[in-house]
Amino acid sequence: MLEHCEKEGIGFIPWFPIATGDLARPDGPLARIAGELGATPAQLAIAWLLRRSPVTLPIPGTSSVAHLEENVAAAGLRLTDEQFEALSRAVPPREESPPDRKKEQLTPLAQAIRILSGRRSG
């Protein structure tokens, strides 16, 4: 779907894409790379989405002005190629997922990463 949007110049708008869940656990890939950049895992997730495609406009939601400012600051993060690839690999293809992990149990970020990485689930 994202590739079609890119080809046609259509905006891709993932709704609430950064419920980071397991990806942001203290020893997880988001937390490690966020620490390298001095950012929050949520900021890192937004930065990844923005780098993934120029037609992506994430709608992360916010509950305060401070949270809004934090989300907007994510646009200024610059991921290295290595960081971008590490985040892109953070969610294994469906075949590598534990058998008891159902699609609806994935966080919205994990679902967005699968979709944007071209990994279809289900």
PDB file of N, CA and C in Angstrom:
ATOM      1  N   MET A   1       0.821  -1.185   0.000  1.00  0.00           N
ATOM      2  CA  MET A   1       0.000   0.000   0.000  1.00  0.00           C
ATOM      3  C   MET A   1       0.870   1.255   0.000  1.00  0.00           C
ATOM      4  N   LEU A   2       1.931   1.265   0.821  1.00  0.00           N
ATOM      5  CA  LEU A   2       2.793   2.446   0.882  1.00  0.00           C
ATOM      6  C   LEU A   2       3.430   2.735  -0.470  1.00  0.00           C
ATOM      7  N   GLU A   3       3.888   1.693  -1.158  1.00  0.00           N
ATOM      8  CA  GLU A   3       4.510   1.887  -2.459  1.00  0.00           C
ATOM      9  C   GLU A   3       3.521   2.519  -3.440  1.00  0.00           C
ATOM     10  N   HIS A   4       2.272   2.116  -3.386  1.00  0.00           N
ATOM     11  CA  HIS A   4       1.250   2.711  -4.251  1.00  0.00           C
ATOM     12  C   HIS A   4       1.081   4.197  -3.922  1.00  0.00           C
ATOM     13  N   CYS A   5       1.043   4.513  -2.642  1.00  0.00           N
ATOM     14  CA  CYS A   5       0.918   5.921  -2.232  1.00  0.00           C
ATOM     15  C   CYS A   5       2.101   6.738  -2.742  1.00  0.00           C
ATOM     16  N   GLU A   6       3.309   6.172  -2.635  1.00  0.00           N
ATOM     17  CA  GLU A   6       4.497   6.885  -3.121  1.00  0.00           C
ATOM     18  C   GLU A   6       4.408   7.119  -4.626  1.00  0.00           C
ATOM     19  N   LYS A   7       4.036   6.087  -5.354  1.00  0.00           N
ATOM     20  CA  LYS A   7       3.951   6.182  -6.818  1.00  0.00           C
ATOM     21  C   LYS A   7       2.941   7.229  -7.256  1.00  0.00           C
ATOM     22  N   GLU A   8       1.808   7.293  -6.534  1.00  0.00           N
ATOM     23  CA  GLU A   8       0.728   8.201  -6.912  1.00  0.00           C
ATOM     24  C   GLU A   8       0.800   9.560  -6.217  1.00  0.00           C
ATOM     25  N   GLY A   9       1.782   9.750  -5.333  1.00  0.00           N
ATOM     26  CA  GLY A   9       1.896  11.005  -4.606  1.00  0.00           C
ATOM     27  C   GLY A   9       0.785  11.214  -3.591  1.00  0.00           C
ATOM     28  N   ILE A  10       0.310  10.113  -3.021  1.00  0.00           N
ATOM     29  CA  ILE A  10      -0.777  10.147  -2.039  1.00  0.00           C
ATOM     30  C   ILE A  10      -0.175  10.037  -0.643  1.00  0.00           C
ATOM     31  N   GLY A  11      -0.641  10.860   0.272  1.00  0.00           N
ATOM     32  CA  GLY A  11      -0.166  10.788   1.644  1.00  0.00           C
ATOM     33  C   GLY A  11      -0.595   9.486   2.321  1.00  0.00           C
ATOM     34  N   PHE A  12       0.332   8.908   3.075  1.00  0.00           N
ATOM     35  CA  PHE A  12       0.054   7.717   3.889  1.00  0.00           C
ATOM     36  C   PHE A  12       0.032   8.183   5.333  1.00  0.00           C
ATOM     37  N   ILE A  13      -1.091   8.023   5.997  1.00  0.00           N
ATOM     38  CA  ILE A  13      -1.263   8.598   7.324  1.00  0.00           C
ATOM     39  C   ILE A  13      -1.550   7.494   8.349  1.00  0.00           C
ATOM     40  N   PRO A  14      -0.481   6.949   8.974  1.00  0.00           N
ATOM     41  CA  PRO A  14      -0.707   5.946  10.013  1.00  0.00           C
ATOM     42  C   PRO A  14      -1.256   6.622  11.269  1.00  0.00           C
ATOM     43  N   TRP A  15      -2.367   6.123  11.758  1.00  0.00           N
ATOM     44  CA  TRP A  15      -3.031   6.673  12.943  1.00  0.00           C
ATOM     45  C   TRP A  15      -2.484   5.994  14.178  1.00  0.00           C
ATOM     46  N   PHE A  16      -2.084   6.760  15.170  1.00  0.00           N
ATOM     47  CA  PHE A  16      -1.548   6.268  16.447  1.00  0.00           C
ATOM     48  C   PHE A  16      -0.494   5.186  16.222  1.00  0.00           C
ATOM     49  N   PRO A  17       0.578   5.522  15.480  1.00  0.00           N
ATOM     50  CA  PRO A  17       1.556   4.505  15.108  1.00  0.00           C
ATOM     51  C   PRO A  17       2.629   4.210  16.144  1.00  0.00           C
ATOM     52  N   ILE A  18       2.633   4.883  17.284  1.00  0.00           N
ATOM     53  CA  ILE A  18       3.782   4.735  18.178  1.00  0.00           C
ATOM     54  C   ILE A  18       3.454   4.168  19.547  1.00  0.00           C
ATOM     55  N   ALA A  19       2.446   3.336  19.651  1.00  0.00           N
ATOM     56  CA  ALA A  19       2.234   2.603  20.901  1.00  0.00           C
ATOM     57  C   ALA A  19       3.344   1.562  20.937  1.00  0.00           C
ATOM     58  N   THR A  20       4.504   1.961  21.421  1.00  0.00           N
ATOM     59  CA  THR A  20       5.746   1.245  21.210  1.00  0.00           C
ATOM     60  C   THR A  20       5.830  -0.118  21.897  1.00  0.00           C
ATOM     61  N   GLY A  21       5.100  -0.356  22.954  1.00  0.00           N
ATOM     62  CA  GLY A  21       5.034  -1.681  23.578  1.00  0.00           C
ATOM     63  C   GLY A  21       6.390  -2.327  23.794  1.00  0.00           C
ATOM     64  N   ASP A  22       6.503  -3.613  23.417  1.00  0.00           N
ATOM     65  CA  ASP A  22       7.723  -4.390  23.635  1.00  0.00           C
ATOM     66  C   ASP A  22       8.949  -3.804  22.942  1.00  0.00           C
ATOM     67  N   LEU A  23       8.757  -3.107  21.843  1.00  0.00           N
ATOM     68  CA  LEU A  23       9.906  -2.541  21.141  1.00  0.00           C
ATOM     69  C   LEU A  23      10.624  -1.492  21.980  1.00  0.00           C
ATOM     70  N   ALA A  24       9.930  -0.891  22.951  1.00  0.00           N
ATOM     71  CA  ALA A  24      10.539   0.158  23.770  1.00  0.00           C
ATOM     72  C   ALA A  24      10.950  -0.336  25.155  1.00  0.00           C
ATOM     73  N   ARG A  25      10.923  -1.641  25.372  1.00  0.00           N
ATOM     74  CA  ARG A  25      11.353  -2.141  26.684  1.00  0.00           C
ATOM     75  C   ARG A  25      12.788  -1.680  26.951  1.00  0.00           C
ATOM     76  N   PRO A  26      13.225  -1.618  28.218  1.00  0.00           N
ATOM     77  CA  PRO A  26      14.548  -1.063  28.532  1.00  0.00           C
ATOM     78  C   PRO A  26      15.712  -1.689  27.762  1.00  0.00           C
ATOM     79  N   ASP A  27      15.619  -2.961  27.393  1.00  0.00           N
ATOM     80  CA  ASP A  27      16.700  -3.596  26.653  1.00  0.00           C
ATOM     81  C   ASP A  27      16.361  -3.773  25.169  1.00  0.00           C
ATOM     82  N   GLY A  28      15.306  -3.101  24.715  1.00  0.00           N
ATOM     83  CA  GLY A  28      14.846  -3.262  23.338  1.00  0.00           C
ATOM     84  C   GLY A  28      15.527  -2.334  22.360  1.00  0.00           C
ATOM     85  N   PRO A  29      15.292  -2.558  21.065  1.00  0.00           N
ATOM     86  CA  PRO A  29      15.969  -1.767  20.030  1.00  0.00           C
ATOM     87  C   PRO A  29      15.623  -0.284  20.050  1.00  0.00           C
ATOM     88  N   LEU A  30      14.383   0.066  20.344  1.00  0.00           N
ATOM     89  CA  LEU A  30      14.029   1.492  20.391  1.00  0.00           C
ATOM     90  C   LEU A  30      14.743   2.193  21.537  1.00  0.00           C
ATOM     91  N   ALA A  31      14.754   1.566  22.707  1.00  0.00           N
ATOM     92  CA  ALA A  31      15.379   2.193  23.874  1.00  0.00           C
ATOM     93  C   ALA A  31      16.879   2.394  23.665  1.00  0.00           C
ATOM     94  N   ARG A  32      17.556   1.404  23.093  1.00  0.00           N
ATOM     95  CA  ARG A  32      19.001   1.499  22.888  1.00  0.00           C
ATOM     96  C   ARG A  32      19.332   2.638  21.920  1.00  0.00           C
ATOM     97  N   ILE A  33      18.683   2.653  20.774  1.00  0.00           N
ATOM     98  CA  ILE A  33      18.986   3.671  19.769  1.00  0.00           C
ATOM     99  C   ILE A  33      18.496   5.044  20.231  1.00  0.00           C
ATOM    100  N   ALA A  34      17.366   5.095  20.920  1.00  0.00           N
ATOM    101  CA  ALA A  34      16.888   6.372  21.468  1.00  0.00           C
ATOM    102  C   ALA A  34      17.936   6.947  22.417  1.00  0.00           C
ATOM    103  N   GLY A  35      18.526   6.090  23.238  1.00  0.00           N
ATOM    104  CA  GLY A  35      19.583   6.534  24.145  1.00  0.00           C
ATOM    105  C   GLY A  35      20.780   7.099  23.399  1.00  0.00           C
ATOM    106  N   GLU A  36      21.158   6.461  22.284  1.00  0.00           N
ATOM    107  CA  GLU A  36      22.266   6.950  21.467  1.00  0.00           C
ATOM    108  C   GLU A  36      21.990   8.360  20.945  1.00  0.00           C
ATOM    109  N   LEU A  37      20.727   8.638  20.642  1.00  0.00           N
ATOM    110  CA  LEU A  37      20.353   9.924  20.055  1.00  0.00           C
ATOM    111  C   LEU A  37      19.874  10.948  21.080  1.00  0.00           C
ATOM    112  N   GLY A  38      19.748  10.537  22.343  1.00  0.00           N
ATOM    113  CA  GLY A  38      19.215  11.446  23.352  1.00  0.00           C
ATOM    114  C   GLY A  38      17.745  11.746  23.124  1.00  0.00           C
ATOM    115  N   ALA A  39      17.020  10.754  22.649  1.00  0.00           N
ATOM    116  CA  ALA A  39      15.603  10.916  22.317  1.00  0.00           C
ATOM    117  C   ALA A  39      14.770   9.901  23.093  1.00  0.00           C
ATOM    118  N   THR A  40      13.478  10.046  23.023  1.00  0.00           N
ATOM    119  CA  THR A  40      12.580   9.057  23.629  1.00  0.00           C
ATOM    120  C   THR A  40      12.278   7.975  22.590  1.00  0.00           C
ATOM    121  N   PRO A  41      11.864   6.793  23.031  1.00  0.00           N
ATOM    122  CA  PRO A  41      11.464   5.768  22.069  1.00  0.00           C
ATOM    123  C   PRO A  41      10.348   6.241  21.133  1.00  0.00           C
ATOM    124  N   ALA A  42       9.413   7.024  21.637  1.00  0.00           N
ATOM    125  CA  ALA A  42       8.332   7.535  20.793  1.00  0.00           C
ATOM    126  C   ALA A  42       8.882   8.469  19.718  1.00  0.00           C
ATOM    127  N   GLN A  43       9.828   9.339  20.080  1.00  0.00           N
ATOM    128  CA  GLN A  43      10.443  10.222  19.090  1.00  0.00           C
ATOM    129  C   GLN A  43      11.172   9.410  18.025  1.00  0.00           C
ATOM    130  N   LEU A  44      11.850   8.371  18.459  1.00  0.00           N
ATOM    131  CA  LEU A  44      12.576   7.527  17.529  1.00  0.00           C
ATOM    132  C   LEU A  44      11.620   6.835  16.557  1.00  0.00           C
ATOM    133  N   ALA A  45      10.503   6.357  17.068  1.00  0.00           N
ATOM    134  CA  ALA A  45       9.509   5.705  16.207  1.00  0.00           C
ATOM    135  C   ALA A  45       8.983   6.679  15.154  1.00  0.00           C
ATOM    136  N   ILE A  46       8.713   7.898  15.555  1.00  0.00           N
ATOM    137  CA  ILE A  46       8.242   8.909  14.597  1.00  0.00           C
ATOM    138  C   ILE A  46       9.329   9.203  13.563  1.00  0.00           C
ATOM    139  N   ALA A  47      10.568   9.349  14.020  1.00  0.00           N
ATOM    140  CA  ALA A  47      11.678   9.625  13.099  1.00  0.00           C
ATOM    141  C   ALA A  47      11.826   8.495  12.084  1.00  0.00           C
ATOM    142  N   TRP A  48      11.661   7.243  12.533  1.00  0.00           N
ATOM    143  CA  TRP A  48      11.748   6.109  11.611  1.00  0.00           C
ATOM    144  C   TRP A  48      10.638   6.184  10.569  1.00  0.00           C
ATOM    145  N   LEU A  49       9.427   6.458  11.017  1.00  0.00           N
ATOM    146  CA  LEU A  49       8.297   6.549  10.086  1.00  0.00           C
ATOM    147  C   LEU A  49       8.519   7.652   9.055  1.00  0.00           C
ATOM    148  N   LEU A  50       9.028   8.792   9.501  1.00  0.00           N
ATOM    149  CA  LEU A  50       9.266   9.911   8.589  1.00  0.00           C
ATOM    150  C   LEU A  50      10.369   9.602   7.574  1.00  0.00           C
ATOM    151  N   ARG A  51      11.396   8.889   8.018  1.00  0.00           N
ATOM    152  CA  ARG A  51      12.481   8.549   7.085  1.00  0.00           C
ATOM    153  C   ARG A  51      12.046   7.455   6.107  1.00  0.00           C
ATOM    154  N   ARG A  52      11.181   6.586   6.538  1.00  0.00           N
ATOM    155  CA  ARG A  52      10.767   5.447   5.706  1.00  0.00           C
ATOM    156  C   ARG A  52      10.181   5.890   4.377  1.00  0.00           C
ATOM    157  N   SER A  53       9.412   6.970   4.376  1.00  0.00           N
ATOM    158  CA  SER A  53       8.788   7.410   3.133  1.00  0.00           C
ATOM    159  C   SER A  53       8.433   8.887   3.214  1.00  0.00           C
ATOM    160  N   PRO A  54       8.670   9.624   2.123  1.00  0.00           N
ATOM    161  CA  PRO A  54       8.330  11.053   2.122  1.00  0.00           C
ATOM    162  C   PRO A  54       6.820  11.311   2.105  1.00  0.00           C
ATOM    163  N   VAL A  55       6.012  10.299   1.832  1.00  0.00           N
ATOM    164  CA  VAL A  55       4.560  10.510   1.828  1.00  0.00           C
ATOM    165  C   VAL A  55       3.919  10.142   3.162  1.00  0.00           C
ATOM    166  N   THR A  56       4.728   9.725   4.136  1.00  0.00           N
ATOM    167  CA  THR A  56       4.189   9.333   5.438  1.00  0.00           C
ATOM    168  C   THR A  56       3.996  10.545   6.336  1.00  0.00           C
ATOM    169  N   LEU A  57       2.818  10.650   6.906  1.00  0.00           N
ATOM    170  CA  LEU A  57       2.494  11.689   7.872  1.00  0.00           C
ATOM    171  C   LEU A  57       1.886  11.009   9.094  1.00  0.00           C
ATOM    172  N   PRO A  58       2.727  10.649  10.076  1.00  0.00           N
ATOM    173  CA  PRO A  58       2.198   9.958  11.252  1.00  0.00           C
ATOM    174  C   PRO A  58       1.296  10.877  12.076  1.00  0.00           C
ATOM    175  N   ILE A  59       0.273  10.302  12.656  1.00  0.00           N
ATOM    176  CA  ILE A  59      -0.593  11.016  13.591  1.00  0.00           C
ATOM    177  C   ILE A  59      -0.441  10.305  14.932  1.00  0.00           C
ATOM    178  N   PRO A  60       0.552  10.723  15.742  1.00  0.00           N
ATOM    179  CA  PRO A  60       0.829  10.003  16.976  1.00  0.00           C
ATOM    180  C   PRO A  60      -0.122  10.311  18.124  1.00  0.00           C
ATOM    181  N   GLY A  61      -0.844  11.392  18.052  1.00  0.00           N
ATOM    182  CA  GLY A  61      -1.699  11.766  19.176  1.00  0.00           C
ATOM    183  C   GLY A  61      -0.875  12.422  20.272  1.00  0.00           C
ATOM    184  N   THR A  62      -1.542  13.170  21.111  1.00  0.00           N
ATOM    185  CA  THR A  62      -0.847  13.855  22.199  1.00  0.00           C
ATOM    186  C   THR A  62      -1.847  14.206  23.284  1.00  0.00           C
ATOM    187  N   SER A  63      -1.327  14.382  24.483  1.00  0.00           N
ATOM    188  CA  SER A  63      -2.208  14.697  25.602  1.00  0.00           C
ATOM    189  C   SER A  63      -1.876  16.028  26.266  1.00  0.00           C
ATOM    190  N   SER A  64      -0.817  16.690  25.797  1.00  0.00           N
ATOM    191  CA  SER A  64      -0.422  17.964  26.390  1.00  0.00           C
ATOM    192  C   SER A  64       0.451  18.728  25.402  1.00  0.00           C
ATOM    193  N   VAL A  65       0.677  20.008  25.698  1.00  0.00           N
ATOM    194  CA  VAL A  65       1.555  20.816  24.850  1.00  0.00           C
ATOM    195  C   VAL A  65       2.977  20.253  24.900  1.00  0.00           C
ATOM    196  N   ALA A  66       3.430  19.827  26.059  1.00  0.00           N
ATOM    197  CA  ALA A  66       4.776  19.262  26.184  1.00  0.00           C
ATOM    198  C   ALA A  66       4.914  18.003  25.332  1.00  0.00           C
ATOM    199  N   HIS A  67       3.897  17.170  25.331  1.00  0.00           N
ATOM    200  CA  HIS A  67       3.920  15.949  24.523  1.00  0.00           C
ATOM    201  C   HIS A  67       3.910  16.297  23.036  1.00  0.00           C
ATOM    202  N   LEU A  68       3.138  17.300  22.657  1.00  0.00           N
ATOM    203  CA  LEU A  68       3.115  17.762  21.273  1.00  0.00           C
ATOM    204  C   LEU A  68       4.503  18.243  20.851  1.00  0.00           C
ATOM    205  N   GLU A  69       5.144  19.029  21.693  1.00  0.00           N
ATOM    206  CA  GLU A  69       6.483  19.533  21.394  1.00  0.00           C
ATOM    207  C   GLU A  69       7.482  18.386  21.254  1.00  0.00           C
ATOM    208  N   GLU A  70       7.348  17.372  22.109  1.00  0.00           N
ATOM    209  CA  GLU A  70       8.214  16.189  22.027  1.00  0.00           C
ATOM    210  C   GLU A  70       8.013  15.472  20.687  1.00  0.00           C
ATOM    211  N   ASN A  71       6.763  15.326  20.281  1.00  0.00           N
ATOM    212  CA  ASN A  71       6.474  14.662  19.006  1.00  0.00           C
ATOM    213  C   ASN A  71       7.029  15.460  17.828  1.00  0.00           C
ATOM    214  N   VAL A  72       6.858  16.766  17.846  1.00  0.00           N
ATOM    215  CA  VAL A  72       7.345  17.619  16.755  1.00  0.00           C
ATOM    216  C   VAL A  72       8.875  17.572  16.689  1.00  0.00           C
ATOM    217  N   ALA A  73       9.536  17.513  17.838  1.00  0.00           N
ATOM    218  CA  ALA A  73      11.004  17.465  17.872  1.00  0.00           C
ATOM    219  C   ALA A  73      11.542  16.214  17.177  1.00  0.00           C
ATOM    220  N   ALA A  74      10.733  15.175  17.075  1.00  0.00           N
ATOM    221  CA  ALA A  74      11.160  13.940  16.413  1.00  0.00           C
ATOM    222  C   ALA A  74      11.520  14.184  14.955  1.00  0.00           C
ATOM    223  N   ALA A  75      10.908  15.179  14.332  1.00  0.00           N
ATOM    224  CA  ALA A  75      11.196  15.478  12.928  1.00  0.00           C
ATOM    225  C   ALA A  75      12.639  15.934  12.748  1.00  0.00           C
ATOM    226  N   GLY A  76      13.276  16.409  13.806  1.00  0.00           N
ATOM    227  CA  GLY A  76      14.659  16.858  13.723  1.00  0.00           C
ATOM    228  C   GLY A  76      15.682  15.765  13.945  1.00  0.00           C
ATOM    229  N   LEU A  77      15.240  14.577  14.324  1.00  0.00           N
ATOM    230  CA  LEU A  77      16.183  13.478  14.539  1.00  0.00           C
ATOM    231  C   LEU A  77      16.701  12.968  13.201  1.00  0.00           C
ATOM    232  N   ARG A  78      17.979  12.670  13.152  1.00  0.00           N
ATOM    233  CA  ARG A  78      18.589  12.120  11.943  1.00  0.00           C
ATOM    234  C   ARG A  78      19.135  10.728  12.273  1.00  0.00           C
ATOM    235  N   LEU A  79      18.506   9.721  11.707  1.00  0.00           N
ATOM    236  CA  LEU A  79      18.948   8.353  11.923  1.00  0.00           C
ATOM    237  C   LEU A  79      20.072   8.016  10.956  1.00  0.00           C
ATOM    238  N   THR A  80      21.093   7.315  11.458  1.00  0.00           N
ATOM    239  CA  THR A  80      22.116   6.811  10.547  1.00  0.00           C
ATOM    240  C   THR A  80      21.502   5.657   9.759  1.00  0.00           C
ATOM    241  N   ASP A  81      22.160   5.275   8.681  1.00  0.00           N
ATOM    242  CA  ASP A  81      21.680   4.127   7.912  1.00  0.00           C
ATOM    243  C   ASP A  81      21.621   2.882   8.797  1.00  0.00           C
ATOM    244  N   GLU A  82      22.625   2.708   9.649  1.00  0.00           N
ATOM    245  CA  GLU A  82      22.668   1.536  10.529  1.00  0.00           C
ATOM    246  C   GLU A  82      21.502   1.549  11.518  1.00  0.00           C
ATOM    247  N   GLN A  83      21.213   2.711  12.095  1.00  0.00           N
ATOM    248  CA  GLN A  83      20.091   2.813  13.029  1.00  0.00           C
ATOM    249  C   GLN A  83      18.765   2.544  12.324  1.00  0.00           C
ATOM    250  N   PHE A  84      18.601   3.114  11.141  1.00  0.00           N
ATOM    251  CA  PHE A  84      17.372   2.911  10.380  1.00  0.00           C
ATOM    252  C   PHE A  84      17.170   1.428  10.074  1.00  0.00           C
ATOM    253  N   GLU A  85      18.224   0.761   9.622  1.00  0.00           N
ATOM    254  CA  GLU A  85      18.120  -0.667   9.301  1.00  0.00           C
ATOM    255  C   GLU A  85      17.860  -1.500  10.541  1.00  0.00           C
ATOM    256  N   ALA A  86      18.488  -1.165  11.664  1.00  0.00           N
ATOM    257  CA  ALA A  86      18.251  -1.906  12.903  1.00  0.00           C
ATOM    258  C   ALA A  86      16.792  -1.800  13.327  1.00  0.00           C
ATOM    259  N   LEU A  87      16.218  -0.619  13.200  1.00  0.00           N
ATOM    260  CA  LEU A  87      14.809  -0.438  13.542  1.00  0.00           C
ATOM    261  C   LEU A  87      13.915  -1.163  12.550  1.00  0.00           C
ATOM    262  N   SER A  88      14.290  -1.155  11.289  1.00  0.00           N
ATOM    263  CA  SER A  88      13.495  -1.837  10.272  1.00  0.00           C
ATOM    264  C   SER A  88      13.468  -3.347  10.506  1.00  0.00           C
ATOM    265  N   ARG A  89      14.536  -3.866  11.079  1.00  0.00           N
ATOM    266  CA  ARG A  89      14.601  -5.302  11.379  1.00  0.00           C
ATOM    267  C   ARG A  89      14.014  -5.650  12.741  1.00  0.00           C
ATOM    268  N   ALA A  90      13.581  -4.658  13.514  1.00  0.00           N
ATOM    269  CA  ALA A  90      13.136  -4.892  14.893  1.00  0.00           C
ATOM    270  C   ALA A  90      11.933  -5.822  14.995  1.00  0.00           C
ATOM    271  N   VAL A  91      11.087  -5.813  13.995  1.00  0.00           N
ATOM    272  CA  VAL A  91       9.922  -6.690  14.003  1.00  0.00           C
ATOM    273  C   VAL A  91      10.192  -7.823  13.025  1.00  0.00           C
ATOM    274  N   PRO A  92      10.284  -9.058  13.529  1.00  0.00           N
ATOM    275  CA  PRO A  92      10.582 -10.171  12.633  1.00  0.00           C
ATOM    276  C   PRO A  92       9.434 -10.454  11.678  1.00  0.00           C
ATOM    277  N   PRO A  93       9.747 -11.049  10.522  1.00  0.00           N
ATOM    278  CA  PRO A  93       8.660 -11.454   9.625  1.00  0.00           C
ATOM    279  C   PRO A  93       7.715 -12.399  10.345  1.00  0.00           C
ATOM    280  N   ARG A  94       6.520 -12.500   9.874  1.00  0.00           N
ATOM    281  CA  ARG A  94       5.472 -13.311  10.500  1.00  0.00           C
ATOM    282  C   ARG A  94       5.953 -14.725  10.826  1.00  0.00           C
ATOM    283  N   GLU A  95       6.723 -15.333   9.922  1.00  0.00           N
ATOM    284  CA  GLU A  95       7.178 -16.705  10.121  1.00  0.00           C
ATOM    285  C   GLU A  95       8.072 -16.845  11.351  1.00  0.00           C
ATOM    286  N   GLU A  96       8.784 -15.778  11.725  1.00  0.00           N
ATOM    287  CA  GLU A  96       9.701 -15.840  12.846  1.00  0.00           C
ATOM    288  C   GLU A  96       9.038 -15.452  14.166  1.00  0.00           C
ATOM    289  N   SER A  97       7.802 -15.003  14.112  1.00  0.00           N
ATOM    290  CA  SER A  97       7.104 -14.599  15.326  1.00  0.00           C
ATOM    291  C   SER A  97       6.730 -15.828  16.130  1.00  0.00           C
ATOM    292  N   PRO A  98       6.682 -15.693  17.446  1.00  0.00           N
ATOM    293  CA  PRO A  98       6.231 -16.821  18.263  1.00  0.00           C
ATOM    294  C   PRO A  98       4.839 -17.253  17.817  1.00  0.00           C
ATOM    295  N   PRO A  99       4.551 -18.557  17.816  1.00  0.00           N
ATOM    296  CA  PRO A  99       3.271 -19.037  17.303  1.00  0.00           C
ATOM    297  C   PRO A  99       2.054 -18.517  18.061  1.00  0.00           C
ATOM    298  N   ASP A 100       2.228 -18.138  19.325  1.00  0.00           N
ATOM    299  CA  ASP A 100       1.073 -17.677  20.094  1.00  0.00           C
ATOM    300  C   ASP A 100       0.848 -16.172  19.953  1.00  0.00           C
ATOM    301  N   ARG A 101       1.668 -15.492  19.188  1.00  0.00           N
ATOM    302  CA  ARG A 101       1.543 -14.046  19.015  1.00  0.00           C
ATOM    303  C   ARG A 101       0.586 -13.759  17.869  1.00  0.00           C
ATOM    304  N   LYS A 102      -0.588 -13.280  18.166  1.00  0.00           N
ATOM    305  CA  LYS A 102      -1.598 -12.999  17.158  1.00  0.00           C
ATOM    306  C   LYS A 102      -1.478 -11.568  16.671  1.00  0.00           C
ATOM    307  N   LYS A 103      -1.967 -11.322  15.462  1.00  0.00           N
ATOM    308  CA  LYS A 103      -1.898  -9.992  14.860  1.00  0.00           C
ATOM    309  C   LYS A 103      -2.447  -8.923  15.779  1.00  0.00           C
ATOM    310  N   GLU A 104      -3.588  -9.173  16.399  1.00  0.00           N
ATOM    311  CA  GLU A 104      -4.198  -8.145  17.236  1.00  0.00           C
ATOM    312  C   GLU A 104      -3.416  -7.878  18.514  1.00  0.00           C
ATOM    313  N   GLN A 105      -2.426  -8.721  18.841  1.00  0.00           N
ATOM    314  CA  GLN A 105      -1.606  -8.495  20.013  1.00  0.00           C
ATOM    315  C   GLN A 105      -0.432  -7.572  19.714  1.00  0.00           C
ATOM    316  N   LEU A 106      -0.153  -7.321  18.440  1.00  0.00           N
ATOM    317  CA  LEU A 106       0.939  -6.441  18.084  1.00  0.00           C
ATOM    318  C   LEU A 106       0.571  -4.993  18.379  1.00  0.00           C
ATOM    319  N   THR A 107       1.541  -4.233  18.812  1.00  0.00           N
ATOM    320  CA  THR A 107       1.297  -2.812  19.042  1.00  0.00           C
ATOM    321  C   THR A 107       1.082  -2.125  17.705  1.00  0.00           C
ATOM    322  N   PRO A 108       0.454  -0.970  17.700  1.00  0.00           N
ATOM    323  CA  PRO A 108       0.311  -0.236  16.440  1.00  0.00           C
ATOM    324  C   PRO A 108       1.650   0.042  15.765  1.00  0.00           C
ATOM    325  N   LEU A 109       2.726   0.310  16.541  1.00  0.00           N
ATOM    326  CA  LEU A 109       4.024   0.547  15.926  1.00  0.00           C
ATOM    327  C   LEU A 109       4.507  -0.713  15.223  1.00  0.00           C
ATOM    328  N   ALA A 110       4.384  -1.860  15.874  1.00  0.00           N
ATOM    329  CA  ALA A 110       4.816  -3.111  15.251  1.00  0.00           C
ATOM    330  C   ALA A 110       4.026  -3.366  13.975  1.00  0.00           C
ATOM    331  N   GLN A 111       2.735  -3.089  14.010  1.00  0.00           N
ATOM    332  CA  GLN A 111       1.919  -3.261  12.808  1.00  0.00           C
ATOM    333  C   GLN A 111       2.379  -2.299  11.711  1.00  0.00           C
ATOM    334  N   ALA A 112       2.666  -1.040  12.072  1.00  0.00           N
ATOM    335  CA  ALA A 112       3.116  -0.058  11.083  1.00  0.00           C
ATOM    336  C   ALA A 112       4.455  -0.468  10.489  1.00  0.00           C
ATOM    337  N   ILE A 113       5.374  -0.958  11.327  1.00  0.00           N
ATOM    338  CA  ILE A 113       6.676  -1.389  10.821  1.00  0.00           C
ATOM    339  C   ILE A 113       6.500  -2.542   9.852  1.00  0.00           C
ATOM    340  N   ARG A 114       5.636  -3.491  10.173  1.00  0.00           N
ATOM    341  CA  ARG A 114       5.393  -4.615   9.258  1.00  0.00           C
ATOM    342  C   ARG A 114       4.849  -4.116   7.924  1.00  0.00           C
ATOM    343  N   ILE A 115       3.876  -3.234   7.989  1.00  0.00           N
ATOM    344  CA  ILE A 115       3.272  -2.719   6.759  1.00  0.00           C
ATOM    345  C   ILE A 115       4.297  -1.945   5.943  1.00  0.00           C
ATOM    346  N   LEU A 116       5.021  -1.040   6.601  1.00  0.00           N
ATOM    347  CA  LEU A 116       5.958  -0.186   5.891  1.00  0.00           C
ATOM    348  C   LEU A 116       7.188  -0.942   5.411  1.00  0.00           C
ATOM    349  N   SER A 117       7.493  -2.077   6.040  1.00  0.00           N
ATOM    350  CA  SER A 117       8.617  -2.892   5.615  1.00  0.00           C
ATOM    351  C   SER A 117       8.215  -3.872   4.525  1.00  0.00           C
ATOM    352  N   GLY A 118       6.942  -3.856   4.151  1.00  0.00           N
ATOM    353  CA  GLY A 118       6.471  -4.761   3.118  1.00  0.00           C
ATOM    354  C   GLY A 118       6.183  -6.146   3.636  1.00  0.00           C
ATOM    355  N   ARG A 119       6.089  -6.302   4.957  1.00  0.00           N
ATOM    356  CA  ARG A 119       5.795  -7.597   5.557  1.00  0.00           C
ATOM    357  C   ARG A 119       4.321  -7.675   5.867  1.00  0.00           C
ATOM    358  N   ARG A 120       3.632  -8.432   5.122  1.00  0.00           N
ATOM    359  CA  ARG A 120       2.200  -8.584   5.347  1.00  0.00           C
ATOM    360  C   ARG A 120       1.962  -9.630   6.430  1.00  0.00           C
ATOM    361  N   SER A 121       1.018  -9.389   7.286  1.00  0.00           N
ATOM    362  CA  SER A 121       0.679 -10.357   8.316  1.00  0.00           C
ATOM    363  C   SER A 121      -0.690 -10.916   8.032  1.00  0.00           C
ATOM    364  N   GLY A 122      -0.951 -12.050   8.654  1.00  0.00           N
ATOM    365  CA  GLY A 122      -2.278 -12.629   8.546  1.00  0.00           C
ATOM    366  C   GLY A 122      -2.340 -13.593   7.506  1.00  0.00           C
TER     367      GLY A 122
END
